[in-house]
N, C-alpha and C. Protein backbone atom coordinates (compact mmCIF):
# COMPACT_ATOMS: atom_id res chain seq x y z
N MET A 1 93.95 47.02 91.06
CA MET A 1 94.10 48.45 91.97
C MET A 1 93.19 49.28 92.60
N THR A 2 93.32 49.30 93.93
CA THR A 2 92.11 49.93 94.70
C THR A 2 91.95 51.31 94.45
N GLU A 3 90.72 51.79 94.77
CA GLU A 3 90.67 53.25 94.41
C GLU A 3 91.32 53.94 96.18
N PRO A 4 91.43 55.18 95.91
CA PRO A 4 91.82 55.93 97.20
C PRO A 4 90.56 56.10 98.07
N ALA A 5 90.69 56.24 99.16
CA ALA A 5 89.79 56.06 100.26
C ALA A 5 88.78 57.05 100.12
N HIS A 6 89.06 58.25 99.26
CA HIS A 6 88.24 59.27 99.45
C HIS A 6 87.09 59.11 98.21
N VAL A 7 87.70 58.33 97.23
CA VAL A 7 86.66 58.00 96.01
C VAL A 7 85.97 56.95 96.51
N THR A 8 85.93 56.03 97.22
CA THR A 8 85.16 54.80 97.64
C THR A 8 84.04 55.33 98.70
N GLY A 9 84.26 56.60 99.03
CA GLY A 9 83.45 57.13 100.08
C GLY A 9 84.08 56.80 101.55
N THR A 10 84.89 55.91 101.95
CA THR A 10 85.31 55.88 103.16
C THR A 10 86.55 56.85 103.08
N PRO A 11 86.50 57.83 104.37
CA PRO A 11 87.55 59.04 104.37
C PRO A 11 88.90 58.22 105.10
N ALA A 12 89.85 58.48 104.51
CA ALA A 12 91.25 58.30 104.87
C ALA A 12 91.41 58.68 106.20
N PRO A 13 92.39 58.06 106.96
CA PRO A 13 92.70 58.40 108.02
C PRO A 13 92.91 59.66 108.63
N GLY A 14 92.31 60.18 109.43
CA GLY A 14 92.38 61.67 109.71
C GLY A 14 91.77 62.72 108.81
N ARG A 15 90.96 62.19 108.09
CA ARG A 15 90.03 63.11 107.19
C ARG A 15 88.59 63.05 107.39
N ARG A 16 87.87 64.25 107.30
CA ARG A 16 86.53 63.95 107.26
C ARG A 16 85.87 63.26 106.20
N ALA A 17 84.38 62.84 106.52
CA ALA A 17 83.98 62.01 105.71
C ALA A 17 83.45 63.22 104.24
N GLU A 18 83.26 64.45 104.83
CA GLU A 18 82.88 65.33 103.83
C GLU A 18 83.93 66.35 103.43
N GLU A 19 84.21 66.66 101.89
CA GLU A 19 85.37 67.50 101.79
C GLU A 19 84.69 69.13 101.74
N VAL A 20 85.26 69.85 102.20
CA VAL A 20 85.11 71.38 102.31
C VAL A 20 85.93 72.23 101.58
N LEU A 21 85.15 73.00 100.28
CA LEU A 21 85.71 73.55 99.31
C LEU A 21 85.35 75.11 99.46
N GLY A 22 86.28 76.08 99.85
CA GLY A 22 86.42 77.36 100.00
C GLY A 22 86.37 78.57 98.82
N ILE A 23 85.25 78.88 98.77
CA ILE A 23 84.88 79.74 97.68
C ILE A 23 85.17 81.06 98.06
N VAL A 24 86.00 81.87 97.27
CA VAL A 24 86.41 83.31 97.60
C VAL A 24 85.04 84.11 97.13
N ALA A 25 84.80 84.85 98.01
CA ALA A 25 83.56 85.62 97.75
C ALA A 25 83.74 87.15 97.11
N TYR A 26 84.56 87.14 95.92
CA TYR A 26 84.75 88.41 95.15
C TYR A 26 84.60 88.23 93.75
N THR A 27 83.97 89.29 93.28
CA THR A 27 83.68 89.10 91.91
C THR A 27 84.62 88.60 90.68
N ASN A 28 85.36 89.34 90.77
CA ASN A 28 86.65 89.08 89.92
C ASN A 28 86.98 87.38 89.88
N VAL A 29 86.83 86.65 90.87
CA VAL A 29 86.96 85.21 90.63
C VAL A 29 85.51 84.34 90.47
N ALA A 30 84.50 85.08 90.57
CA ALA A 30 82.98 84.16 90.07
C ALA A 30 83.29 83.41 89.06
N PRO A 31 83.90 83.67 87.89
CA PRO A 31 83.84 82.73 86.76
C PRO A 31 84.46 81.38 87.06
N LEU A 32 85.56 81.77 88.31
CA LEU A 32 86.17 80.29 88.45
C LEU A 32 85.14 79.16 89.10
N HIS A 33 83.88 79.65 89.84
CA HIS A 33 83.28 78.55 90.30
C HIS A 33 81.74 79.03 90.06
N TRP A 34 81.50 79.76 88.87
CA TRP A 34 80.04 79.77 88.43
C TRP A 34 79.46 78.90 87.98
N GLY A 35 78.45 78.56 88.60
CA GLY A 35 77.61 77.32 87.95
C GLY A 35 77.81 76.08 88.95
N LEU A 36 79.25 75.96 89.96
CA LEU A 36 79.43 74.89 90.38
C LEU A 36 78.51 74.70 91.66
N GLU A 37 78.18 73.70 91.89
CA GLU A 37 77.24 73.09 93.19
C GLU A 37 77.69 72.11 93.71
N PRO A 38 77.80 72.23 95.09
CA PRO A 38 78.10 71.17 95.96
C PRO A 38 77.70 69.83 95.32
N TRP A 39 78.56 68.92 95.67
CA TRP A 39 78.18 67.47 95.13
C TRP A 39 77.99 66.39 96.44
N GLN A 40 77.75 65.39 96.37
CA GLN A 40 77.29 64.28 97.45
C GLN A 40 78.73 64.37 98.22
N GLY A 41 78.74 64.68 99.27
CA GLY A 41 80.06 64.57 100.31
C GLY A 41 80.79 65.43 100.19
N ALA A 42 80.10 66.82 99.71
CA ALA A 42 80.90 68.40 99.59
C ALA A 42 80.17 69.40 100.06
N ARG A 43 80.80 70.04 100.66
CA ARG A 43 80.37 71.62 101.38
C ARG A 43 81.05 72.93 100.91
N PHE A 44 80.43 73.54 100.42
CA PHE A 44 81.07 74.91 100.07
C PHE A 44 81.14 75.97 101.17
N VAL A 45 82.19 76.58 101.49
CA VAL A 45 82.18 77.83 102.58
C VAL A 45 82.83 78.85 101.66
N ARG A 46 81.84 79.97 101.87
CA ARG A 46 82.44 81.38 101.11
C ARG A 46 82.82 82.27 102.35
N GLY A 47 83.69 83.05 101.71
CA GLY A 47 84.63 84.10 102.55
C GLY A 47 85.62 84.86 101.64
N VAL A 48 86.19 85.64 102.73
CA VAL A 48 87.19 86.50 101.99
C VAL A 48 88.43 85.78 102.10
N PRO A 49 89.48 86.13 101.13
CA PRO A 49 90.93 85.15 101.01
C PRO A 49 91.38 85.32 102.58
N THR A 50 91.48 86.21 103.43
CA THR A 50 92.10 85.72 104.52
C THR A 50 91.51 85.03 105.67
N MET A 51 90.09 85.01 105.48
CA MET A 51 89.32 83.96 106.31
C MET A 51 89.48 82.36 105.84
N LEU A 52 89.53 82.46 104.29
CA LEU A 52 89.62 81.00 104.01
C LEU A 52 91.20 80.63 104.00
N ASN A 53 92.15 81.44 104.04
CA ASN A 53 93.53 81.03 104.28
C ASN A 53 93.70 80.66 105.47
N ALA A 54 93.17 81.22 106.57
CA ALA A 54 93.37 80.85 107.85
C ALA A 54 92.19 79.45 108.21
N ALA A 55 91.28 79.32 107.64
CA ALA A 55 90.31 77.92 107.51
C ALA A 55 91.37 77.00 106.89
N LEU A 56 91.89 77.20 105.83
CA LEU A 56 93.03 75.87 105.23
C LEU A 56 93.88 75.50 105.87
N LEU A 57 94.57 76.78 106.57
CA LEU A 57 95.61 76.30 107.58
C LEU A 57 95.12 75.72 109.03
N ALA A 58 94.09 75.96 109.30
CA ALA A 58 93.71 75.07 110.59
C ALA A 58 92.89 73.82 110.25
N GLY A 59 92.68 73.52 108.99
CA GLY A 59 92.29 72.25 108.52
C GLY A 59 90.85 72.07 108.56
N GLU A 60 90.07 73.66 108.67
CA GLU A 60 88.68 73.51 108.54
C GLU A 60 88.17 73.46 107.02
N VAL A 61 89.18 73.90 106.10
CA VAL A 61 88.72 73.72 104.51
C VAL A 61 89.79 72.83 103.93
N ASP A 62 89.40 72.32 103.00
CA ASP A 62 90.36 71.13 102.53
C ASP A 62 90.72 71.65 101.04
N LEU A 63 90.15 72.74 100.35
CA LEU A 63 90.61 73.21 99.18
C LEU A 63 90.33 74.48 98.98
N THR A 64 91.01 75.75 98.64
CA THR A 64 90.68 76.84 98.57
C THR A 64 91.63 77.99 97.53
N LEU A 65 91.38 78.69 97.09
CA LEU A 65 92.34 79.62 96.20
C LEU A 65 93.14 80.52 97.66
N VAL A 66 94.64 80.68 97.26
CA VAL A 66 95.57 81.20 97.91
C VAL A 66 96.21 82.17 97.28
N SER A 67 96.56 83.36 97.93
CA SER A 67 97.70 84.31 97.17
C SER A 67 99.24 83.44 97.08
N SER A 68 99.83 83.81 96.25
CA SER A 68 101.27 83.18 95.69
C SER A 68 101.88 83.47 97.38
N VAL A 69 102.01 84.92 97.59
CA VAL A 69 102.69 85.11 98.92
C VAL A 69 102.19 83.99 100.17
N GLU A 70 100.88 84.05 100.23
CA GLU A 70 100.47 83.08 101.24
C GLU A 70 100.92 81.77 101.21
N PHE A 71 100.90 81.26 99.82
CA PHE A 71 101.48 79.86 99.58
C PHE A 71 102.64 79.63 99.99
N VAL A 72 103.73 80.82 99.46
CA VAL A 72 105.27 80.91 100.07
C VAL A 72 105.46 80.74 101.30
N HIS A 73 104.65 81.61 102.20
CA HIS A 73 104.85 81.70 103.55
C HIS A 73 104.48 80.25 104.11
N HIS A 74 103.44 79.79 103.52
CA HIS A 74 103.51 78.19 104.21
C HIS A 74 103.65 77.17 103.22
N ARG A 75 104.65 77.17 102.72
CA ARG A 75 104.88 76.23 101.50
C ARG A 75 105.21 74.65 101.87
N HIS A 76 105.67 74.85 103.17
CA HIS A 76 105.86 73.31 103.95
C HIS A 76 104.34 72.83 104.76
N GLU A 77 103.69 73.40 104.64
CA GLU A 77 102.15 72.97 105.27
C GLU A 77 101.00 72.83 103.85
N LEU A 78 101.36 73.63 102.68
CA LEU A 78 100.48 73.44 101.85
C LEU A 78 101.01 72.83 100.36
N ARG A 79 100.19 72.20 99.68
CA ARG A 79 100.47 71.87 98.48
C ARG A 79 99.58 72.44 97.57
N GLY A 80 100.40 72.99 96.23
CA GLY A 80 99.69 73.60 95.18
C GLY A 80 98.93 72.37 94.18
N LEU A 81 98.06 72.68 93.60
CA LEU A 81 97.39 71.85 92.73
C LEU A 81 97.19 72.45 91.38
N GLY A 82 97.74 71.53 90.48
CA GLY A 82 97.67 71.66 88.85
C GLY A 82 99.11 72.62 88.60
N ARG A 83 99.39 72.83 87.51
CA ARG A 83 100.28 73.43 86.63
C ARG A 83 99.83 74.26 85.69
N SER A 84 100.45 75.70 85.76
CA SER A 84 100.16 76.38 84.80
C SER A 84 100.22 76.41 83.57
N ARG A 85 99.46 76.73 82.58
CA ARG A 85 99.57 76.70 81.15
C ARG A 85 100.41 78.02 80.49
N ARG A 86 100.56 78.87 81.52
CA ARG A 86 101.02 79.92 80.94
C ARG A 86 102.59 79.90 80.50
N ALA A 87 103.05 80.61 79.26
CA ALA A 87 104.45 80.66 78.85
C ALA A 87 105.38 81.17 80.07
N PRO A 88 106.58 80.97 80.26
CA PRO A 88 107.36 81.10 81.20
C PRO A 88 107.47 82.72 81.37
N ALA A 89 107.41 83.47 80.19
CA ALA A 89 107.48 84.75 80.33
C ALA A 89 106.44 85.61 80.51
N GLU A 90 105.48 84.81 80.69
CA GLU A 90 103.91 85.64 80.94
C GLU A 90 103.93 86.07 82.22
N PRO A 91 103.46 86.98 82.76
CA PRO A 91 103.34 87.07 84.35
C PRO A 91 102.53 86.50 84.96
N SER A 92 102.43 86.17 86.20
CA SER A 92 101.45 85.37 87.20
C SER A 92 100.19 86.15 87.43
N SER A 93 99.22 85.69 87.72
CA SER A 93 98.06 86.37 87.93
C SER A 93 98.32 86.30 89.67
N GLY A 94 99.12 85.78 90.35
CA GLY A 94 99.41 85.94 91.79
C GLY A 94 98.59 85.06 92.55
N GLY A 95 97.82 84.06 91.97
CA GLY A 95 97.02 83.09 92.90
C GLY A 95 97.26 81.60 92.22
N ARG A 96 96.50 80.73 93.33
CA ARG A 96 96.66 79.39 92.65
C ARG A 96 96.09 78.68 93.95
N ALA A 97 95.37 77.68 93.50
CA ALA A 97 94.71 76.57 94.06
C ALA A 97 95.58 75.51 95.39
N ALA A 98 95.16 75.56 96.32
CA ALA A 98 96.37 74.97 97.10
C ALA A 98 95.24 74.05 98.30
N ARG A 99 96.05 73.10 98.81
CA ARG A 99 95.28 72.37 99.83
C ARG A 99 96.39 71.90 101.12
N ARG A 100 96.21 71.51 102.16
CA ARG A 100 96.95 71.03 103.10
C ARG A 100 97.91 70.17 102.58
N ALA A 101 99.17 70.02 102.75
CA ALA A 101 99.88 68.82 102.34
C ALA A 101 99.79 67.78 103.38
């Protein structure tokens, strides 16, 4: 089995050679990226959620946190990452990581 293009270093068609990760510049989400440093082939963009949401939808950012409301509004354009480990009755924190579909 061959590895996906982004793993081997050759970008997939229509993708940049560099992955861009949006980092929300708010103190309450700092633990989510504390100590995380860009790796080879990656670049971090820091900003407020509205700026990062717009950059994600414009294709300028590959991955960032988005609010649940923003995710639902653009559900056909975005893809959520990961599954919640919360019990079904536990309230949602209101956000999730997303990338363009």
